[in-house]
Amino acid sequence: MPATARKHFDDDIARAWAIHEQAEDDALGADLARASVAFAVGALDAYLCDAFVDSLARTLKTCRRDGTEVPKAYGRLMMPIGPLLNGYEHRENWGLRMSARALMERDNLLQLGRLRELLNPALRPGQKLWHDLVPQYIALDRLRLTGIRRSAYARLPGRDRGRVRRSAANSVLRRIGEIVQRRHDIVHNCDRPKLAKQRLSLSAAKKMLIDIESFVTILDDHLDQHRLF
């Protein structure tokens, strides 16, 4: 991924941590913990949009230059035509990136189930989301994230690892999805989805920030190392 997207995420997640570090164990502290989670999910959303825009724009630029066929998943996308027709005197392919960015302005990627469809076309065979990436999350040895310990995975016979990888990948997406949903509760109803406020300790918020940061760091490194275009 471009250095800018990763730098923005690193800056934004640092701001989320700064909010969390100001919290104390009282009513205001709980709200600061909520604010840190909301900020971290905002950083996640911005990063995922940037990652997709970069993957799509790089792919289209390369296919145009080399005369190769656009991956089917990208060929089906309905992209805004305005930016494609604008003239960019010094950067002839800039319209592709601007059109991809305009596409994302009407959308978000916090629906994590869409990431395979949108990012896999730009990844090499054998390096697809999530089956080929999930061992890196398992290596964190974080039961709440993958549902399995690193040592337990290492002991598995090869025939069982595919099944466990699928289960671990579902666990990762479920965990990050739960954090995203908590952000929605915080932003849209002040963390009161029903009659009473939900409890959120500083330690629980800290774990949410840790998991979001790990999710993006591993994904970003994988996209950078294994992209096709």
Protein backbone atom coordinates (compact mmCIF):
# COMPACT_ATOMS: atom_id res chain seq x y z
CA MET A 1 0.00 0.00 0.00
CA PRO A 2 1.15 3.59 -0.48
CA ALA A 3 3.09 5.05 2.41
CA THR A 4 0.46 7.78 2.81
CA ALA A 5 -2.38 5.36 3.64
CA ARG A 6 -0.31 3.55 6.26
CA LYS A 7 1.00 6.83 7.68
CA HIS A 8 -2.53 8.18 8.01
CA PHE A 9 -3.63 5.03 9.81
CA ASP A 10 -0.60 5.14 12.13
CA ASP A 11 -1.34 8.80 12.91
CA ASP A 12 -5.05 8.15 13.49
CA ILE A 13 -4.59 5.08 15.68
CA ALA A 14 -2.03 7.06 17.72
CA ARG A 15 -4.71 9.70 18.27
CA ALA A 16 -7.08 6.96 19.45
CA TRP A 17 -4.42 5.75 21.90
CA ALA A 18 -3.90 9.34 23.12
CA ILE A 19 -7.62 9.60 23.91
CA HIS A 20 -7.53 6.27 25.73
CA GLU A 21 -4.52 7.30 27.81
CA GLN A 22 -6.39 10.34 29.13
CA ALA A 23 -9.15 8.20 30.60
CA GLU A 24 -9.52 7.48 34.30
CA ASP A 25 -11.78 5.00 36.04
CA ASP A 26 -14.84 7.25 36.33
CA ALA A 27 -17.80 8.31 34.19
CA LEU A 28 -15.71 10.64 32.02
CA GLY A 29 -13.07 7.94 31.68
CA ALA A 30 -15.65 5.51 30.34
CA ASP A 31 -16.72 8.06 27.72
CA LEU A 32 -13.11 8.68 26.76
CA ALA A 33 -12.71 4.92 26.35
CA ARG A 34 -15.75 4.95 24.06
CA ALA A 35 -14.30 7.87 22.10
CA SER A 36 -11.01 6.01 21.63
CA VAL A 37 -12.86 3.01 20.16
CA ALA A 38 -14.87 5.23 17.82
CA PHE A 39 -11.69 6.97 16.69
CA ALA A 40 -9.90 3.66 16.11
CA VAL A 41 -12.74 2.33 13.96
CA GLY A 42 -12.66 5.59 12.00
CA ALA A 43 -8.96 4.96 11.37
CA LEU A 44 -9.81 1.41 10.23
CA ASP A 45 -12.51 2.66 7.85
CA ALA A 46 -10.21 5.27 6.29
CA TYR A 47 -7.40 2.75 5.86
CA LEU A 48 -9.59 0.09 4.20
CA CYS A 49 -10.98 2.63 1.73
CA ASP A 50 -7.46 3.82 0.88
CA ALA A 51 -6.25 0.23 0.51
CA PHE A 52 -9.02 -0.60 -1.95
CA VAL A 53 -8.58 2.62 -3.93
CA ASP A 54 -4.86 1.91 -4.27
CA SER A 55 -5.38 -1.74 -5.25
CA LEU A 56 -8.00 -0.85 -7.85
CA ALA A 57 -6.10 2.11 -9.32
CA ARG A 58 -2.82 0.18 -9.55
CA THR A 59 -4.57 -2.71 -11.26
CA LEU A 60 -6.35 -0.53 -13.83
CA LYS A 61 -3.22 1.49 -14.54
CA THR A 62 -1.15 -1.67 -15.10
CA CYS A 63 -3.78 -3.29 -17.32
CA ARG A 64 -4.09 -0.13 -19.41
CA ARG A 65 -0.32 0.13 -19.80
CA ASP A 66 0.30 -3.53 -20.59
CA GLY A 67 -2.89 -4.23 -22.51
CA THR A 68 -3.80 -7.08 -20.16
CA GLU A 69 -7.30 -8.10 -19.13
CA VAL A 70 -8.76 -6.47 -16.05
CA PRO A 71 -9.61 -9.00 -13.29
CA LYS A 72 -13.29 -9.94 -13.59
CA ALA A 73 -14.21 -8.67 -10.13
CA TYR A 74 -12.84 -5.22 -10.99
CA GLY A 75 -14.29 -5.26 -14.51
CA ARG A 76 -17.80 -5.48 -13.05
CA LEU A 77 -17.43 -2.34 -10.92
CA MET A 78 -19.59 0.68 -11.79
CA MET A 79 -17.13 3.57 -11.56
CA PRO A 80 -18.03 7.30 -11.76
CA ILE A 81 -17.32 8.45 -15.30
CA GLY A 82 -16.60 12.12 -14.56
CA PRO A 83 -13.09 11.68 -13.16
CA LEU A 84 -12.26 9.23 -15.95
CA LEU A 85 -12.99 11.87 -18.61
CA ASN A 86 -11.22 14.75 -16.88
CA GLY A 87 -7.89 15.70 -18.37
CA TYR A 88 -4.84 15.43 -16.11
CA GLU A 89 -2.02 17.03 -18.06
CA HIS A 90 0.93 15.66 -16.11
CA ARG A 91 -0.53 12.36 -14.80
CA GLU A 92 -2.43 10.55 -17.53
CA ASN A 93 -3.64 7.76 -15.22
CA TRP A 94 -4.74 10.03 -12.39
CA GLY A 95 -8.34 9.84 -13.57
CA LEU A 96 -8.37 6.14 -12.67
CA ARG A 97 -7.40 6.90 -9.09
CA MET A 98 -9.86 9.79 -8.81
CA SER A 99 -12.67 7.63 -10.15
CA ALA A 100 -11.80 4.87 -7.66
CA ARG A 101 -11.79 7.43 -4.85
CA ALA A 102 -15.15 8.82 -5.97
CA LEU A 103 -16.52 5.27 -5.91
CA MET A 104 -15.49 4.95 -2.26
CA GLU A 105 -17.03 8.29 -1.29
CA ARG A 106 -20.44 6.64 -1.65
CA ASP A 107 -19.45 3.58 0.34
CA ASN A 108 -17.45 2.26 3.27
CA LEU A 109 -15.60 -0.96 3.87
CA LEU A 110 -16.66 -1.62 7.43
CA GLN A 111 -18.76 -4.45 5.99
CA LEU A 112 -15.75 -6.69 6.35
CA GLY A 113 -17.20 -9.58 4.40
CA ARG A 114 -16.64 -7.55 1.21
CA LEU A 115 -12.87 -7.32 1.61
CA ARG A 116 -12.14 -10.62 -0.12
CA GLU A 117 -14.12 -9.58 -3.19
CA LEU A 118 -12.47 -6.16 -3.36
CA LEU A 119 -8.84 -6.95 -2.46
CA ASN A 120 -8.27 -10.52 -3.68
CA PRO A 121 -8.19 -9.57 -7.39
CA ALA A 122 -4.97 -7.64 -6.73
CA LEU A 123 -3.26 -10.46 -4.80
CA ARG A 124 -1.15 -13.32 -6.15
CA PRO A 125 -2.49 -16.89 -6.15
CA GLY A 126 -1.70 -18.56 -2.85
CA GLN A 127 -1.82 -15.23 -1.01
CA LYS A 128 -5.55 -14.56 -0.88
CA LEU A 129 -7.71 -13.32 1.97
CA TRP A 130 -8.30 -14.88 4.38
CA HIS A 131 -7.11 -18.46 4.14
CA ASP A 132 -3.51 -17.58 3.25
CA LEU A 133 -3.29 -14.64 5.66
CA VAL A 134 -4.90 -15.99 8.81
CA PRO A 135 -1.81 -17.89 10.09
CA GLN A 136 -0.25 -14.48 10.71
CA TYR A 137 -3.14 -13.60 13.02
CA ILE A 138 -2.88 -16.99 14.73
CA ALA A 139 0.82 -16.25 15.34
CA LEU A 140 -0.25 -13.35 17.59
CA ASP A 141 -1.44 -16.02 20.06
CA ARG A 142 -4.56 -14.00 20.86
CA LEU A 143 -7.47 -16.29 21.67
CA ARG A 144 -10.10 -13.54 21.57
CA LEU A 145 -9.07 -12.74 18.00
CA THR A 146 -8.66 -16.13 16.32
CA GLY A 147 -10.30 -18.56 18.74
CA ILE A 148 -7.19 -20.76 18.83
CA ARG A 149 -3.80 -20.64 20.50
CA ARG A 150 -0.64 -20.62 18.42
CA SER A 151 0.62 -23.78 20.12
CA ALA A 152 -2.64 -25.64 19.45
CA TYR A 153 -2.49 -24.70 15.76
CA ALA A 154 1.14 -25.81 15.51
CA ARG A 155 0.19 -29.27 16.83
CA LEU A 156 -2.54 -29.81 14.24
CA PRO A 157 -1.97 -32.38 11.48
CA GLY A 158 -1.94 -30.86 8.01
CA ARG A 159 -5.33 -32.33 7.08
CA ASP A 160 -7.02 -30.33 9.86
CA ARG A 161 -5.38 -26.98 9.26
CA GLY A 162 -7.62 -25.89 6.40
CA ARG A 163 -10.73 -26.27 8.54
CA VAL A 164 -9.12 -24.46 11.47
CA ARG A 165 -7.92 -21.64 9.21
CA ARG A 166 -11.49 -21.07 8.05
CA SER A 167 -12.71 -21.04 11.63
CA ALA A 168 -9.92 -18.66 12.72
CA ALA A 169 -10.59 -16.31 9.79
CA ASN A 170 -14.28 -16.19 10.71
CA SER A 171 -13.28 -15.47 14.30
CA VAL A 172 -11.03 -12.55 13.24
CA LEU A 173 -13.77 -10.99 11.13
CA ARG A 174 -16.34 -11.56 13.87
CA ARG A 175 -14.11 -9.89 16.49
CA ILE A 176 -13.37 -6.85 14.33
CA GLY A 177 -17.03 -6.72 13.31
CA GLU A 178 -18.07 -6.62 16.97
CA ILE A 179 -15.76 -3.65 17.53
CA VAL A 180 -17.22 -1.92 14.47
CA GLN A 181 -20.74 -2.52 15.82
CA ARG A 182 -19.71 -1.09 19.19
CA ARG A 183 -18.50 2.02 17.36
CA HIS A 184 -21.91 2.30 15.70
CA ASP A 185 -23.61 2.06 19.11
CA ILE A 186 -21.30 4.74 20.50
CA VAL A 187 -21.73 7.15 17.59
CA HIS A 188 -25.42 6.67 16.82
CA ASN A 189 -26.97 6.28 20.27
CA CYS A 190 -24.27 7.23 22.78
CA ASP A 191 -23.65 3.55 23.55
CA ARG A 192 -27.26 3.04 24.65
CA PRO A 193 -28.71 0.64 22.05
CA LYS A 194 -31.59 -0.24 24.38
CA LEU A 195 -32.53 1.33 27.72
CA ALA A 196 -29.21 1.39 29.55
CA LYS A 197 -25.69 2.35 28.59
CA GLN A 198 -23.41 -0.57 27.82
CA ARG A 199 -20.44 -0.97 30.12
CA LEU A 200 -16.98 -0.43 28.65
CA SER A 201 -13.90 -0.74 30.84
CA LEU A 202 -10.57 0.82 29.96
CA SER A 203 -9.05 -2.65 29.61
CA ALA A 204 -11.78 -3.77 27.19
CA ALA A 205 -11.30 -0.62 25.10
CA LYS A 206 -7.53 -1.18 25.13
CA LYS A 207 -7.99 -4.68 23.75
CA MET A 208 -10.21 -3.31 20.99
CA LEU A 209 -7.54 -0.80 19.95
CA ILE A 210 -4.85 -3.49 20.03
CA ASP A 211 -6.91 -5.79 17.80
CA ILE A 212 -7.72 -3.09 15.26
CA GLU A 213 -4.07 -2.05 15.08
CA SER A 214 -2.96 -5.67 14.59
CA PHE A 215 -5.66 -6.30 11.99
CA VAL A 216 -4.51 -3.38 9.83
CA THR A 217 -0.77 -3.88 10.34
CA ILE A 218 -0.84 -7.52 9.22
CA LEU A 219 -3.25 -6.83 6.35
CA ASP A 220 -1.22 -3.86 5.09
CA ASP A 221 2.06 -5.79 5.13
CA HIS A 222 0.41 -8.69 3.29
CA LEU A 223 -1.06 -6.44 0.60
CA ASP A 224 2.27 -4.71 0.11
CA GLN A 225 4.28 -7.93 -0.15
CA HIS A 226 1.94 -10.00 -2.34
CA ARG A 227 0.20 -7.64 -4.74
CA LEU A 228 0.01 -8.57 -8.40
CA PHE A 229 0.04 -5.04 -9.74
